[in-house]
Amino acid sequence: MTRPLYLAIVWHMHQPSYLDLTSGKMILPWVRLHACKDYLDMVEILSEFHGVKVTFNLVPSLMDQLELYSQRPKDADAYLELSYKDADHLTELEKHFILDHFFQANLEGMIQPYWRYFELYEKNQIAKQHSETIRLSSIFTSQDFRDLQVWFNLAWVDPKYRGGDSFLKKLVKKGEQFTEQEKCRLLEIQIELVKRILPAYRRFQQENRIEVSVSPYYHPILPLLYDVSAAKEAFPAVSMPKEIFQHPEDARWQIESAVNRYREVFGTNPRGFWPSEGSVSQAILPFIANEGFQWIASDEQVLFNSLQKRRTAHLLYRPYRCPKPSDSMAILFRDHNLSDLIGFTYSRWPAEKAAENLINHLKNIQHYLAKKGSQQPYLATLILDGENAWEYYPNDGADFLRAFYGRLSKMGEEVITTTPSEYLQKFPAQKALRALKPGSWIDGNFNVWIGDKEKNLSWDYLAWARRDLERLETVPTTIGLAWRALAMAQGSDWNWWYGNTHFTPYKEVFDKLYRHYLAMVYQYSGQEIPEWLSIPICQPETSSSTSGNNYSTMHKSS
């Protein structure tokens, strides 16, 4: 009898908090745009493959922002508000903003296929070359701007919905000369899609088709919140901030609040926990286990650093019990190579060839492990970003997913898809880790979030703001909002972009938003906002203009 290989696929859905606490609006549109393009179709496609089980990880701050669109359907984000504005009444400043930002989409996959969108893109490229001698109003008409408002939003709607909705289908076919009424209807459809997302995930989980796991509320690096010294344990040569941030209580709050938010949305307790960026340390495990989680996950590099052994298949493809006293909870480790093939490589391959290659990898793993003695079937775990890779795939990745899921559904007992909780219920983790080395899914350390001059300064800012909050002699009624703003500033995305590790044309925007949250700590707590919060953390030589088509480097990747 063939011993099957069980396969757990975890799609991580995450956006940082873009909320401006002063206006109540999101300053960037990526929650809405990814909601229209990725979050809904990723779960609905499973209706075509009844034998395939998948896990989705949702971050509570993402849930919050999705629900904000129900409360503010016309101005929840600044880009939506500007999209609604009549093109005949745009100011010169608004026109410049649209030309700078409404081409932020993958050029090859989302702009070039649509002749009018690409025509406007090329026209803008020429205009930028002559910006000092040509006024915008002389080359871009109101109709140009209206068409651009439509195409920026239409291109971010998943092909499934563009082809399945009769109105959107007509809009694509028309291509140009859109009316204000057509534009407004498109934006209404976007919000309708956003509103369907969380109910769809609830329904699929209730039907036992998927599992929904959760992350810390605002997606912080938990080991560093607990104690930034974990960075040195993971990578001894790392440069440390001046201020040593050590606040286990903040890590505990991020976990407990995430569980409470999950209960509000899904009506049940979460069983699985994906620590932000796969970042773990032994110190944070009791906080997670105390909330009743059955499993957490990290990267294979963390496993082999912990075992102090070289990569070996029979050690990777199994769950482990966490080190004591958290041994009631299992920990899984993702196959780094296979996860990255989906995230970074297969987008350049024909869908059928990519799916077949991935299946062959899984078959080879199954055949190899079948020769190894084991008390229970092995488990391969794929975990990766579930949203950002698809704009690099033809047809937004749908062809690849259908080819992959279709093959998985026909594999019988050779490879069986499962959710982590379902697998662990049948086959509890047998082997316990003696110790868990601190690390993340990026090189098994925390160097993306600490060690650089800018990154370390942001930790100092965070420590100073928190210290000033703790020192309050009188407690205002808005103190809860101050602590909430501090928690928002603890998200991993801010330090992801500081320094030269990664590039985004929105670096200055992220910097301002981070310092905005810290400023709100002071404002909500009745304190004067310190002068140092007006000083940008990002240095001019490492920041970039927001103009141009740079979407390919804007988002995080695993």
Protein backbone atom coordinates (compact mmCIF):
# COMPACT_ATOMS: atom_id res chain seq x y z
CA MET A 1 0.00 0.00 0.00
CA THR A 2 1.32 3.46 -0.96
CA ARG A 3 1.95 5.73 1.99
CA PRO A 4 0.46 9.11 0.99
CA LEU A 5 2.10 12.48 1.31
CA TYR A 6 -0.24 14.96 2.94
CA LEU A 7 -0.05 18.53 1.65
CA ALA A 8 -1.05 21.68 3.55
CA ILE A 9 -1.26 24.84 1.42
CA VAL A 10 -1.46 28.10 3.39
CA TRP A 11 -2.15 31.36 1.57
CA HIS A 12 -1.21 34.36 3.71
CA MET A 13 -3.47 37.40 3.13
CA HIS A 14 -2.08 40.62 4.55
CA GLN A 15 -1.97 44.35 4.07
CA PRO A 16 -0.61 46.81 6.65
CA SER A 17 -2.90 49.38 8.23
CA TYR A 18 -3.24 52.31 5.83
CA LEU A 19 -5.67 54.15 8.11
CA ASP A 20 -5.12 57.83 8.74
CA LEU A 21 -6.45 58.17 12.28
CA THR A 22 -7.23 61.86 11.79
CA SER A 23 -9.44 61.53 8.69
CA GLY A 24 -10.63 57.97 9.25
CA LYS A 25 -9.69 57.15 5.65
CA MET A 26 -7.04 54.87 4.22
CA ILE A 27 -4.33 56.81 2.42
CA LEU A 28 -3.42 53.96 0.04
CA PRO A 29 -5.86 51.77 -1.94
CA TRP A 30 -4.23 48.36 -1.83
CA VAL A 31 -6.76 46.68 0.46
CA ARG A 32 -9.59 47.53 -1.93
CA LEU A 33 -7.66 46.73 -5.09
CA HIS A 34 -6.35 43.40 -3.85
CA ALA A 35 -9.82 42.65 -2.53
CA CYS A 36 -11.20 43.03 -6.06
CA LYS A 37 -8.37 41.06 -7.63
CA ASP A 38 -7.24 38.40 -5.16
CA TYR A 39 -9.06 37.78 -1.90
CA LEU A 40 -12.46 36.67 -3.21
CA ASP A 41 -11.53 34.62 -6.27
CA MET A 42 -8.80 32.80 -4.32
CA VAL A 43 -11.44 31.17 -2.14
CA GLU A 44 -14.26 30.93 -4.69
CA ILE A 45 -12.11 28.99 -7.17
CA LEU A 46 -12.18 26.07 -4.72
CA SER A 47 -15.84 25.52 -5.66
CA GLU A 48 -14.48 23.89 -8.82
CA PHE A 49 -12.32 21.38 -6.90
CA HIS A 50 -14.32 19.70 -4.15
CA GLY A 51 -11.50 17.38 -3.09
CA VAL A 52 -8.94 20.12 -2.53
CA LYS A 53 -8.44 21.55 0.97
CA VAL A 54 -6.66 24.88 1.48
CA THR A 55 -5.87 27.14 4.45
CA PHE A 56 -6.09 30.93 4.35
CA ASN A 57 -4.42 33.14 6.91
CA LEU A 58 -6.16 36.48 7.51
CA VAL A 59 -4.64 39.32 9.51
CA PRO A 60 -7.13 41.15 11.78
CA SER A 61 -6.03 44.60 10.59
CA LEU A 62 -6.92 43.46 7.06
CA MET A 63 -10.37 42.37 8.26
CA ASP A 64 -10.86 45.82 9.82
CA GLN A 65 -10.02 47.61 6.60
CA LEU A 66 -12.25 45.34 4.50
CA GLU A 67 -15.16 46.18 6.78
CA LEU A 68 -14.40 49.91 6.57
CA TYR A 69 -15.61 49.86 2.96
CA SER A 70 -19.08 48.93 4.17
CA GLN A 71 -19.10 52.03 6.37
CA ARG A 72 -17.57 54.43 3.81
CA PRO A 73 -18.32 53.00 0.35
CA LYS A 74 -17.40 56.18 -1.52
CA ASP A 75 -14.44 57.60 0.36
CA ALA A 76 -12.87 54.82 2.47
CA ASP A 77 -9.57 55.46 0.71
CA ALA A 78 -8.18 58.59 -0.91
CA TYR A 79 -7.88 56.95 -4.33
CA LEU A 80 -11.51 55.84 -4.26
CA GLU A 81 -12.64 59.34 -3.38
CA LEU A 82 -10.59 60.79 -6.25
CA SER A 83 -11.88 58.10 -8.63
CA TYR A 84 -15.43 59.20 -7.90
CA LYS A 85 -14.71 62.86 -8.62
CA ASP A 86 -16.12 64.11 -11.92
CA ALA A 87 -13.23 64.35 -14.39
CA ASP A 88 -14.54 67.72 -15.60
CA HIS A 89 -13.96 69.18 -12.15
CA LEU A 90 -10.50 67.88 -11.32
CA THR A 91 -8.02 70.46 -10.08
CA GLU A 92 -4.55 70.68 -11.57
CA LEU A 93 -3.11 69.14 -8.40
CA GLU A 94 -5.58 66.23 -8.61
CA LYS A 95 -4.68 65.69 -12.25
CA HIS A 96 -1.01 65.44 -11.35
CA PHE A 97 -1.84 62.97 -8.58
CA ILE A 98 -3.84 60.77 -10.95
CA LEU A 99 -1.07 60.73 -13.54
CA ASP A 100 1.49 59.90 -10.85
CA HIS A 101 -0.51 57.11 -9.20
CA PHE A 102 -3.16 55.63 -11.48
CA PHE A 103 -0.60 53.66 -13.51
CA GLN A 104 0.49 51.72 -10.42
CA ALA A 105 -0.20 48.27 -11.86
CA ASN A 106 1.93 45.60 -13.46
CA LEU A 107 2.80 46.99 -16.88
CA GLU A 108 2.96 43.73 -18.80
CA GLY A 109 0.01 41.98 -17.22
CA MET A 110 -2.38 44.78 -16.28
CA ILE A 111 -1.75 47.76 -18.56
CA GLN A 112 -0.41 46.60 -21.93
CA PRO A 113 -3.28 44.13 -22.62
CA TYR A 114 -5.76 47.03 -22.75
CA TRP A 115 -5.01 49.33 -25.67
CA ARG A 116 -6.60 52.46 -24.16
CA TYR A 117 -4.91 52.04 -20.78
CA PHE A 118 -1.57 51.48 -22.52
CA GLU A 119 -2.19 54.49 -24.81
CA LEU A 120 -2.71 56.69 -21.76
CA TYR A 121 0.38 55.20 -20.13
CA GLU A 122 2.55 56.03 -23.15
CA LYS A 123 1.06 59.49 -23.36
CA ASN A 124 2.00 60.05 -19.73
CA GLN A 125 5.55 58.82 -20.34
CA ILE A 126 5.95 61.39 -23.12
CA ALA A 127 4.40 64.12 -20.97
CA LYS A 128 6.88 63.46 -18.17
CA GLN A 129 9.76 63.94 -20.59
CA HIS A 130 8.41 67.40 -21.49
CA SER A 131 6.85 68.31 -18.16
CA GLU A 132 8.67 71.64 -17.95
CA THR A 133 7.46 72.86 -21.32
CA ILE A 134 3.98 71.31 -21.68
CA ARG A 135 1.05 71.87 -19.31
CA LEU A 136 -1.00 68.81 -18.46
CA SER A 137 -4.25 70.46 -19.50
CA SER A 138 -2.90 70.96 -23.00
CA ILE A 139 -2.40 67.25 -23.73
CA PHE A 140 -4.77 65.40 -21.37
CA THR A 141 -8.49 66.03 -21.85
CA SER A 142 -11.20 65.47 -19.28
CA GLN A 143 -12.11 62.32 -21.19
CA ASP A 144 -8.53 61.09 -20.89
CA PHE A 145 -8.70 61.49 -17.13
CA ARG A 146 -12.13 59.83 -16.94
CA ASP A 147 -10.88 56.89 -18.99
CA LEU A 148 -7.82 56.65 -16.73
CA GLN A 149 -10.01 56.71 -13.62
CA VAL A 150 -11.96 53.79 -15.07
CA TRP A 151 -9.02 51.74 -16.31
CA PHE A 152 -7.00 51.99 -13.09
CA ASN A 153 -9.93 50.54 -11.18
CA LEU A 154 -11.08 48.14 -13.89
CA ALA A 155 -7.63 46.59 -14.37
CA TRP A 156 -7.58 45.69 -10.67
CA VAL A 157 -10.81 43.71 -10.92
CA ASP A 158 -10.05 40.00 -11.27
CA PRO A 159 -10.53 38.60 -14.80
CA LYS A 160 -13.12 36.18 -13.38
CA TYR A 161 -15.42 39.05 -12.48
CA ARG A 162 -14.58 41.19 -15.51
CA GLY A 163 -15.63 38.29 -17.70
CA GLY A 164 -18.57 37.10 -15.59
CA ASP A 165 -20.37 40.39 -15.00
CA SER A 166 -22.27 41.66 -18.04
CA PHE A 167 -21.69 45.32 -17.20
CA LEU A 168 -17.95 44.90 -16.65
CA LYS A 169 -17.72 42.82 -19.80
CA LYS A 170 -19.29 45.67 -21.81
CA LEU A 171 -16.97 48.15 -20.15
CA VAL A 172 -13.87 46.19 -21.22
CA LYS A 173 -15.23 45.85 -24.75
CA LYS A 174 -16.04 49.57 -24.97
CA GLY A 175 -12.51 50.45 -23.92
CA GLU A 176 -12.80 54.25 -24.03
CA GLN A 177 -15.13 57.24 -23.89
CA PHE A 178 -16.52 56.13 -20.56
CA THR A 179 -19.25 58.16 -18.88
CA GLU A 180 -19.41 59.32 -15.28
CA GLN A 181 -22.33 56.96 -14.74
CA GLU A 182 -20.33 53.99 -16.01
CA LYS A 183 -17.40 54.94 -13.80
CA CYS A 184 -19.59 55.20 -10.71
CA ARG A 185 -21.20 51.82 -11.41
CA LEU A 186 -17.74 50.22 -11.71
CA LEU A 187 -16.75 51.63 -8.32
CA GLU A 188 -20.00 50.37 -6.79
CA ILE A 189 -19.24 46.88 -8.11
CA GLN A 190 -15.79 47.05 -6.53
CA ILE A 191 -17.34 47.68 -3.11
CA GLU A 192 -19.87 44.90 -3.68
CA LEU A 193 -16.96 42.51 -4.27
CA VAL A 194 -15.20 43.72 -1.11
CA LYS A 195 -18.34 43.12 0.95
CA ARG A 196 -18.54 39.49 -0.22
CA ILE A 197 -15.09 38.51 1.01
CA LEU A 198 -15.42 37.82 4.73
CA PRO A 199 -18.83 36.09 4.35
CA ALA A 200 -17.29 33.84 1.69
CA TYR A 201 -14.45 32.80 4.00
CA ARG A 202 -16.94 32.15 6.82
CA ARG A 203 -19.12 30.02 4.56
CA PHE A 204 -16.27 27.95 3.14
CA GLN A 205 -14.87 27.29 6.62
CA GLN A 206 -18.30 26.31 7.94
CA GLU A 207 -18.57 23.87 5.04
CA ASN A 208 -15.18 22.40 6.04
CA ARG A 209 -13.71 23.34 2.67
CA ILE A 210 -10.99 25.55 4.11
CA GLU A 211 -9.36 26.47 7.39
CA VAL A 212 -8.87 30.11 8.32
CA SER A 213 -5.92 30.85 10.57
CA VAL A 214 -4.88 34.20 12.01
CA SER A 215 -1.83 36.40 12.72
CA PRO A 216 -1.09 38.96 15.45
CA TYR A 217 -3.48 41.91 15.18
CA TYR A 218 -1.29 44.51 13.46
CA HIS A 219 1.23 42.04 12.02
CA PRO A 220 4.21 42.80 14.32
CA ILE A 221 7.43 40.80 14.64
CA LEU A 222 6.48 39.16 17.94
CA PRO A 223 9.99 38.04 19.04
CA LEU A 224 11.27 41.61 18.67
CA LEU A 225 8.33 43.06 20.57
CA TYR A 226 9.05 40.61 23.35
CA ASP A 227 12.74 41.51 23.31
CA VAL A 228 14.72 42.99 20.43
CA SER A 229 17.71 41.01 21.71
CA ALA A 230 16.19 38.05 19.86
CA ALA A 231 17.70 39.63 16.73
CA LYS A 232 21.20 39.07 18.11
CA GLU A 233 20.46 35.48 19.04
CA ALA A 234 19.33 34.87 15.45
CA PHE A 235 22.25 36.81 13.91
CA PRO A 236 25.03 37.75 16.38
CA ALA A 237 26.61 40.35 14.07
CA VAL A 238 23.46 42.47 13.81
CA SER A 239 23.69 46.11 14.89
CA MET A 240 21.21 46.93 17.64
CA PRO A 241 19.15 50.09 18.32
CA LYS A 242 20.18 52.44 21.10
CA GLU A 243 16.98 51.64 22.96
CA ILE A 244 16.39 47.99 23.88
CA PHE A 245 12.67 47.40 23.37
CA GLN A 246 11.41 44.70 25.77
CA HIS A 247 7.64 44.53 26.13
CA PRO A 248 6.20 41.01 26.40
CA GLU A 249 2.86 42.55 27.34
CA ASP A 250 2.63 44.13 23.88
CA ALA A 251 3.23 40.77 22.22
CA ARG A 252 0.53 39.25 24.42
CA TRP A 253 -1.94 42.02 23.48
CA GLN A 254 -1.34 41.53 19.75
CA ILE A 255 -2.14 37.82 20.11
CA GLU A 256 -5.11 38.08 22.47
CA SER A 257 -6.71 40.88 20.44
CA ALA A 258 -6.30 38.86 17.25
CA VAL A 259 -8.19 35.95 18.80
CA ASN A 260 -11.01 38.24 19.93
CA ARG A 261 -11.30 39.83 16.48
CA TYR A 262 -11.32 36.41 14.83
CA ARG A 263 -14.21 35.34 17.09
CA GLU A 264 -16.17 38.45 16.10
CA VAL A 265 -15.76 37.72 12.39
CA PHE A 266 -15.97 33.91 12.30
CA GLY A 267 -17.98 33.06 15.41
CA THR A 268 -15.48 30.46 16.57
CA ASN A 269 -11.97 30.17 17.96
CA PRO A 270 -9.03 30.02 15.56
CA ARG A 271 -7.03 26.80 15.60
CA GLY A 272 -4.01 27.96 13.61
CA PHE A 273 -1.63 30.88 14.03
CA TRP A 274 0.81 32.22 11.44
CA PRO A 275 3.26 34.51 13.26
CA SER A 276 3.88 37.60 11.14
CA GLU A 277 6.68 36.88 8.64
CA GLY A 278 6.94 33.39 10.15
CA SER A 279 8.84 35.03 12.99
CA VAL A 280 9.18 32.90 16.11
CA SER A 281 11.16 32.57 19.30
CA GLN A 282 10.77 30.20 22.20
CA ALA A 283 9.84 33.10 24.48
CA ILE A 284 6.60 33.93 22.64
CA LEU A 285 5.28 30.35 22.46
CA PRO A 286 3.51 30.35 25.87
CA PHE A 287 1.51 33.45 24.89
CA ILE A 288 0.27 31.67 21.76
CA ALA A 289 -0.38 28.34 23.47
CA ASN A 290 -2.34 30.06 26.26
CA GLU A 291 -4.90 31.17 23.66
CA GLY A 292 -5.66 27.55 22.78
CA PHE A 293 -4.00 27.40 19.37
CA GLN A 294 -3.39 23.91 18.02
CA TRP A 295 -0.63 24.86 15.60
CA ILE A 296 1.73 27.57 14.46
CA ALA A 297 4.15 27.60 11.54
CA SER A 298 7.48 29.02 10.45
CA ASP A 299 10.15 28.47 7.81
CA GLU A 300 12.35 25.41 7.34
CA GLN A 301 15.47 27.48 8.03
CA VAL A 302 14.21 28.03 11.58
CA LEU A 303 13.75 24.27 11.97
CA PHE A 304 17.25 23.34 10.87
CA ASN A 305 18.78 26.18 12.86
CA SER A 306 16.94 24.80 15.88
CA LEU A 307 17.98 21.21 15.21
CA GLN A 308 21.50 22.30 14.23
CA LYS A 309 21.32 19.89 11.32
CA ARG A 310 21.48 20.09 7.55
CA ARG A 311 18.30 20.05 5.49
CA THR A 312 16.82 16.56 5.39
CA ALA A 313 13.43 15.63 3.93
CA HIS A 314 12.32 13.24 6.66
CA LEU A 315 12.99 15.94 9.29
CA LEU A 316 11.21 18.72 7.37
CA TYR A 317 8.00 16.98 6.31
CA ARG A 318 6.47 16.40 9.71
CA PRO A 319 4.92 18.40 12.54
CA TYR A 320 6.73 18.90 15.83
CA ARG A 321 5.53 19.57 19.33
CA CYS A 322 6.70 22.94 20.54
CA PRO A 323 9.34 22.98 23.30
CA LYS A 324 8.05 22.75 26.85
CA PRO A 325 6.01 24.26 28.44
CA SER A 326 4.18 24.88 25.12
CA ASP A 327 4.27 21.25 23.97
CA SER A 328 0.47 21.09 23.71
CA MET A 329 0.87 23.05 20.48
CA ALA A 330 2.34 21.76 17.20
CA ILE A 331 4.64 23.69 14.90
CA LEU A 332 4.91 23.17 11.14
CA PHE A 333 7.73 24.30 8.87
CA ARG A 334 7.17 25.34 5.29
CA ASP A 335 9.06 23.98 2.32
CA HIS A 336 10.94 27.14 1.40
CA ASN A 337 11.93 26.09 -2.13
CA LEU A 338 8.50 24.91 -3.30
CA SER A 339 6.79 27.94 -1.76
CA ASP A 340 9.18 30.26 -3.59
CA LEU A 341 8.67 28.45 -6.88
CA ILE A 342 5.04 29.55 -6.75
CA GLY A 343 5.87 33.02 -5.50
CA PHE A 344 8.70 33.90 -7.86
CA THR A 345 9.32 31.38 -10.64
CA TYR A 346 6.20 29.77 -12.07
CA SER A 347 4.74 33.10 -13.21
CA ARG A 348 7.20 32.94 -16.12
CA TRP A 349 6.18 29.42 -17.14
CA PRO A 350 3.15 28.17 -19.07
CA ALA A 351 0.49 27.28 -16.49
CA GLU A 352 0.28 23.59 -17.37
CA LYS A 353 4.04 23.17 -17.32
CA ALA A 354 4.34 24.96 -13.97
CA ALA A 355 1.59 22.88 -12.38
CA GLU A 356 3.10 19.66 -13.72
CA ASN A 357 6.53 20.63 -12.40
CA LEU A 358 5.15 21.30 -8.92
CA ILE A 359 3.23 18.03 -8.92
CA ASN A 360 6.38 16.17 -9.96
CA HIS A 361 8.26 17.72 -7.04
CA LEU A 362 5.53 16.48 -4.69
CA LYS A 363 5.59 13.03 -6.27
CA ASN A 364 9.34 12.81 -5.86
CA ILE A 365 9.03 13.79 -2.20
CA GLN A 366 6.32 11.19 -1.69
CA HIS A 367 8.34 8.44 -3.41
CA TYR A 368 11.47 9.28 -1.43
CA LEU A 369 9.70 9.42 1.93
CA ALA A 370 7.74 6.22 1.25
CA LYS A 371 11.06 4.39 1.64
CA LYS A 372 11.64 5.91 5.06
CA GLY A 373 10.24 4.32 8.16
CA SER A 374 7.63 6.46 9.88
CA GLN A 375 4.81 5.89 12.33
CA GLN A 376 2.54 8.26 10.42
CA PRO A 377 2.26 9.85 6.97
CA TYR A 378 4.50 12.78 6.20
CA LEU A 379 3.20 16.34 5.78
CA ALA A 380 4.54 18.86 3.27
CA THR A 381 3.66 22.48 4.01
CA LEU A 382 3.57 25.28 1.44
CA ILE A 383 3.12 28.77 2.89
CA LEU A 384 3.39 31.99 0.92
CA ASP A 385 1.84 35.32 0.15
CA GLY A 386 -1.61 34.74 -1.31
CA GLU A 387 -2.03 38.04 -3.13
CA ASN A 388 1.07 39.71 -4.55
CA ALA A 389 2.38 37.03 -6.90
CA TRP A 390 -0.64 36.81 -9.18
CA GLU A 391 -0.26 40.04 -11.15
CA TYR A 392 2.91 38.51 -12.61
CA TYR A 393 0.98 35.44 -13.78
CA PRO A 394 -1.09 35.35 -16.96
CA ASN A 395 -4.81 35.63 -16.18
CA ASP A 396 -3.94 36.66 -12.61
CA GLY A 397 -2.78 33.14 -11.76
CA ALA A 398 -6.15 31.48 -12.35
CA ASP A 399 -4.79 29.21 -15.10
CA PHE A 400 -1.98 28.00 -12.84
CA LEU A 401 -4.26 27.43 -9.85
CA ARG A 402 -6.78 25.51 -11.93
CA ALA A 403 -4.04 23.36 -13.42
CA PHE A 404 -2.48 22.73 -10.00
CA TYR A 405 -5.72 22.12 -8.10
CA GLY A 406 -7.04 19.98 -10.94
CA ARG A 407 -4.03 17.67 -10.77
CA LEU A 408 -4.18 17.52 -6.98
CA SER A 409 -7.83 16.49 -7.09
CA LYS A 410 -6.91 13.46 -9.23
CA MET A 411 -3.94 12.17 -7.26
CA GLY A 412 -5.88 9.76 -5.08
CA GLU A 413 -3.82 8.40 -2.21
CA GLU A 414 -0.48 9.58 -3.56
CA VAL A 415 -0.79 13.24 -2.47
CA ILE A 416 -3.71 14.28 -0.25
CA THR A 417 -4.49 17.93 0.46
CA THR A 418 -5.40 18.73 4.03
CA THR A 419 -5.54 21.59 6.48
CA PRO A 420 -3.06 21.65 9.38
CA SER A 421 -5.80 21.14 11.96
CA GLU A 422 -7.33 18.25 10.02
CA TYR A 423 -3.97 16.53 9.69
CA LEU A 424 -3.07 17.00 13.36
CA GLN A 425 -6.42 15.61 14.46
CA LYS A 426 -5.60 12.38 12.63
CA PHE A 427 -1.86 12.37 13.22
CA PRO A 428 -0.78 14.35 16.30
CA ALA A 429 2.80 15.55 16.39
CA GLN A 430 5.04 12.89 17.92
CA LYS A 431 8.49 14.44 18.12
CA ALA A 432 9.13 17.48 20.33
CA LEU A 433 11.68 20.18 19.71
CA ARG A 434 14.12 20.67 22.56
CA ALA A 435 14.53 24.33 21.69
CA LEU A 436 13.31 26.80 19.07
CA LYS A 437 15.87 29.14 17.55
CA PRO A 438 14.58 32.71 16.95
CA GLY A 439 14.11 33.51 13.28
CA SER A 440 11.73 34.35 10.42
CA TRP A 441 10.98 33.14 6.92
CA ILE A 442 13.59 35.56 5.54
CA ASP A 443 17.02 33.92 5.94
CA GLY A 444 16.10 32.54 9.36
CA ASN A 445 16.84 35.87 11.09
CA PHE A 446 15.32 39.34 11.62
CA ASN A 447 17.72 41.46 9.57
CA VAL A 448 14.93 42.80 7.36
CA TRP A 449 13.41 44.54 10.39
CA ILE A 450 16.40 45.56 12.51
CA GLY A 451 20.12 46.34 12.17
CA ASP A 452 20.07 49.08 9.54
CA LYS A 453 20.44 52.75 10.57
CA GLU A 454 16.87 53.64 9.56
CA LYS A 455 15.38 50.44 10.97
CA ASN A 456 17.13 50.95 14.30
CA LEU A 457 16.04 54.56 14.50
CA SER A 458 12.41 53.49 14.02
CA TRP A 459 12.81 51.12 17.00
CA ASP A 460 14.17 54.03 19.02
CA TYR A 461 11.15 56.16 18.02
CA LEU A 462 8.83 53.34 19.09
CA ALA A 463 10.61 52.94 22.44
CA TRP A 464 10.53 56.68 23.17
CA ALA A 465 6.81 56.96 22.37
CA ARG A 466 5.97 53.97 24.51
CA ARG A 467 8.05 55.26 27.41
CA ASP A 468 6.31 58.63 27.27
CA LEU A 469 2.94 56.89 27.23
CA GLU A 470 3.80 54.85 30.33
CA ARG A 471 4.99 57.94 32.22
CA LEU A 472 1.60 59.67 32.15
CA GLU A 473 0.55 61.00 35.54
CA THR A 474 -3.05 61.61 34.53
CA VAL A 475 -4.95 59.22 32.28
CA PRO A 476 -7.23 60.81 29.63
CA THR A 477 -10.40 59.15 28.40
CA THR A 478 -8.73 58.54 25.02
CA ILE A 479 -5.87 56.49 26.49
CA GLY A 480 -7.19 53.35 24.81
CA LEU A 481 -6.83 55.02 21.42
CA ALA A 482 -3.26 55.96 22.28
CA TRP A 483 -2.36 52.35 23.01
CA ARG A 484 -4.12 51.27 19.82
CA ALA A 485 -2.04 53.75 17.79
CA LEU A 486 1.10 52.34 19.41
CA ALA A 487 0.05 48.83 18.41
CA MET A 488 -0.48 49.99 14.82
CA ALA A 489 3.05 51.42 14.80
CA GLN A 490 4.38 47.98 15.76
CA GLY A 491 3.47 46.43 12.38
CA SER A 492 6.26 44.72 10.43
CA ASP A 493 5.71 46.65 7.20
CA TRP A 494 7.27 49.91 8.33
CA ASN A 495 10.72 48.46 8.94
CA TRP A 496 10.41 46.26 5.85
CA TRP A 497 10.72 49.44 3.79
CA TYR A 498 13.24 51.36 5.89
CA GLY A 499 16.85 51.10 4.76
CA ASN A 500 17.99 49.71 1.42
CA THR A 501 16.74 46.14 1.83
CA HIS A 502 13.65 46.69 -0.34
CA PHE A 503 12.39 49.39 -2.68
CA THR A 504 8.99 51.04 -2.92
CA PRO A 505 8.01 54.30 -4.61
CA TYR A 506 5.82 54.79 -1.52
CA LYS A 507 8.64 54.78 1.00
CA GLU A 508 8.03 58.36 2.10
CA VAL A 509 4.32 57.61 2.48
CA PHE A 510 5.06 54.61 4.70
CA ASP A 511 7.46 56.72 6.75
CA LYS A 512 4.84 59.45 7.25
CA LEU A 513 2.20 56.89 8.19
CA TYR A 514 4.48 55.26 10.76
CA ARG A 515 5.29 58.61 12.35
CA HIS A 516 1.58 59.53 12.17
CA TYR A 517 0.70 56.57 14.40
CA LEU A 518 3.37 57.58 16.91
CA ALA A 519 2.14 61.19 16.79
CA MET A 520 -1.36 59.94 17.58
CA VAL A 521 0.05 58.17 20.64
CA TYR A 522 0.90 61.61 21.99
CA GLN A 523 -2.26 63.34 20.79
CA TYR A 524 -4.64 60.73 22.21
CA SER A 525 -2.76 60.71 25.50
CA GLY A 526 -3.00 64.49 25.82
CA GLN A 527 0.70 65.15 25.33
CA GLU A 528 2.47 67.55 23.04
CA ILE A 529 3.73 65.86 19.89
CA PRO A 530 7.55 65.97 20.09
CA GLU A 531 9.58 67.75 17.42
CA TRP A 532 11.56 64.63 16.53
CA LEU A 533 8.42 63.02 15.07
CA SER A 534 8.40 65.68 12.36
CA ILE A 535 11.82 64.49 11.17
CA PRO A 536 11.63 61.74 8.50
CA ILE A 537 13.33 58.47 9.31
CA CYS A 538 14.00 57.60 5.68
CA GLN A 539 17.01 59.36 4.22
CA PRO A 540 16.74 61.32 0.95
CA GLU A 541 19.30 59.14 -0.80
CA THR A 542 17.22 56.01 -0.18
CA SER A 543 13.76 57.43 -0.87
CA SER A 544 12.22 57.64 -4.33
CA SER A 545 9.72 59.61 -6.31
CA THR A 546 6.23 58.20 -6.48
CA SER A 547 5.92 58.87 -10.18
CA GLY A 548 6.25 56.26 -12.86
CA ASN A 549 5.29 52.63 -13.15
CA ASN A 550 7.04 50.95 -10.23
CA TYR A 551 4.34 48.62 -8.98
CA SER A 552 6.53 45.55 -9.44
CA THR A 553 8.75 46.65 -6.54
CA MET A 554 6.06 48.15 -4.35
CA HIS A 555 4.73 45.15 -2.45
CA LYS A 556 6.28 42.75 -0.01
CA SER A 557 7.10 39.19 -0.96
CA SER A 558 7.85 36.09 1.05
